Amino acid sequence: MALPVLLAVDDDESLLGDIERELNDRYARHYRVVCARSPAEAREHLADLAASGIEVALVLAGHSAAEPGITDALVRAARDVAVLLAGG
């Protein structure tokens, strides 16, 4: 059975790398970590995961990845998944 996914989204490549490393260090035993550098890439991942029947446990989107309507789009794509927007 496939592990559920933690999806992180941020356009800051360095920050996204740090997030990916931290999530893998803490949660790789129970989750697969997937990262995207744009909201569009995140939506593609969500569509692929849904088509594969793989559960998405969390979408973590950095404030810099925010664009008009992205919160609504991610929530619609992720359905019953927690979506956490981070940043200031």
Protein backbone atom coordinates (compact mmCIF):
# COMPACT_ATOMS: atom_id res chain seq x y z
CA MET A 1 0.00 0.00 0.00
CA ALA A 2 1.30 3.46 -0.92
CA LEU A 3 2.17 5.85 1.86
CA PRO A 4 -0.03 8.95 2.17
CA VAL A 5 1.58 12.13 0.83
CA LEU A 6 2.69 15.38 2.41
CA LEU A 7 2.78 17.98 -0.39
CA ALA A 8 4.87 21.12 0.12
CA VAL A 9 4.61 24.09 -2.27
CA ASP A 10 6.95 27.07 -2.42
CA ASP A 11 8.65 28.99 -5.21
CA ASP A 12 11.78 29.57 -3.10
CA GLU A 13 13.92 26.59 -4.16
CA SER A 14 16.29 26.87 -1.18
CA LEU A 15 13.45 27.06 1.33
CA LEU A 16 11.60 24.22 -0.38
CA GLY A 17 14.75 22.09 -0.10
CA ASP A 18 14.92 22.82 3.64
CA ILE A 19 11.24 21.96 4.05
CA GLU A 20 11.65 18.73 2.08
CA ARG A 21 14.64 17.68 4.18
CA GLU A 22 12.87 18.47 7.46
CA LEU A 23 9.65 16.68 6.47
CA ASN A 24 11.62 13.63 5.31
CA ASP A 25 13.70 13.58 8.50
CA ARG A 26 10.60 13.65 10.67
CA TYR A 27 7.92 11.85 8.67
CA ALA A 28 9.41 9.66 5.91
CA ARG A 29 8.59 6.53 7.89
CA HIS A 30 4.86 7.19 7.58
CA TYR A 31 4.49 9.59 4.64
CA ARG A 32 5.92 10.23 1.19
CA VAL A 33 7.07 13.83 0.81
CA VAL A 34 6.35 15.51 -2.54
CA CYS A 35 7.45 19.07 -3.33
CA ALA A 36 6.29 21.52 -5.98
CA ARG A 37 7.78 24.86 -7.00
CA SER A 38 4.51 26.40 -8.17
CA PRO A 39 0.79 26.19 -7.52
CA ALA A 40 0.32 24.81 -11.05
CA GLU A 41 2.82 22.02 -10.36
CA ALA A 42 1.07 21.31 -7.04
CA ARG A 43 -2.29 21.00 -8.81
CA GLU A 44 -0.71 18.53 -11.27
CA HIS A 45 0.65 16.45 -8.40
CA LEU A 46 -2.74 16.48 -6.68
CA ALA A 47 -4.50 15.37 -9.85
CA ASP A 48 -1.99 12.55 -10.42
CA LEU A 49 -2.24 11.41 -6.81
CA ALA A 50 -6.05 11.45 -6.91
CA ALA A 51 -6.06 9.48 -10.17
CA SER A 52 -3.76 6.92 -8.54
CA GLY A 53 -5.93 6.71 -5.44
CA ILE A 54 -3.09 7.89 -3.20
CA GLU A 55 -4.15 9.78 -0.09
CA VAL A 56 -2.84 13.32 0.43
CA ALA A 57 -2.61 13.98 4.16
CA LEU A 58 -1.42 17.59 4.06
CA VAL A 59 -0.73 20.42 1.62
CA LEU A 60 1.76 22.93 3.01
CA ALA A 61 1.91 26.07 0.83
CA GLY A 62 4.38 28.85 1.45
CA HIS A 63 3.14 32.41 1.37
CA SER A 64 5.41 33.13 -1.60
CA ALA A 65 3.61 30.39 -3.55
CA ALA A 66 0.30 32.14 -3.05
CA GLU A 67 -1.42 33.59 -6.06
CA PRO A 68 -4.98 34.83 -6.47
CA GLY A 69 -7.34 31.93 -5.85
CA ILE A 70 -4.61 29.40 -5.01
CA THR A 71 -6.04 28.56 -1.60
CA ASP A 72 -9.43 27.74 -3.11
CA ALA A 73 -7.83 25.81 -5.97
CA LEU A 74 -5.69 23.69 -3.65
CA VAL A 75 -8.59 23.03 -1.32
CA ARG A 76 -10.79 21.94 -4.23
CA ALA A 77 -8.04 19.74 -5.67
CA ALA A 78 -7.15 18.22 -2.32
CA ARG A 79 -10.77 17.78 -1.20
CA ASP A 80 -10.71 16.48 2.41
CA VAL A 81 -7.10 17.39 3.06
CA ALA A 82 -5.67 19.90 5.50
CA VAL A 83 -4.19 22.87 3.65
CA LEU A 84 -1.77 24.99 5.66
CA LEU A 85 -0.59 28.33 4.27
CA ALA A 86 2.67 29.40 5.90
CA GLY A 87 4.53 32.68 5.88
CA GLY A 88 3.97 36.30 6.58
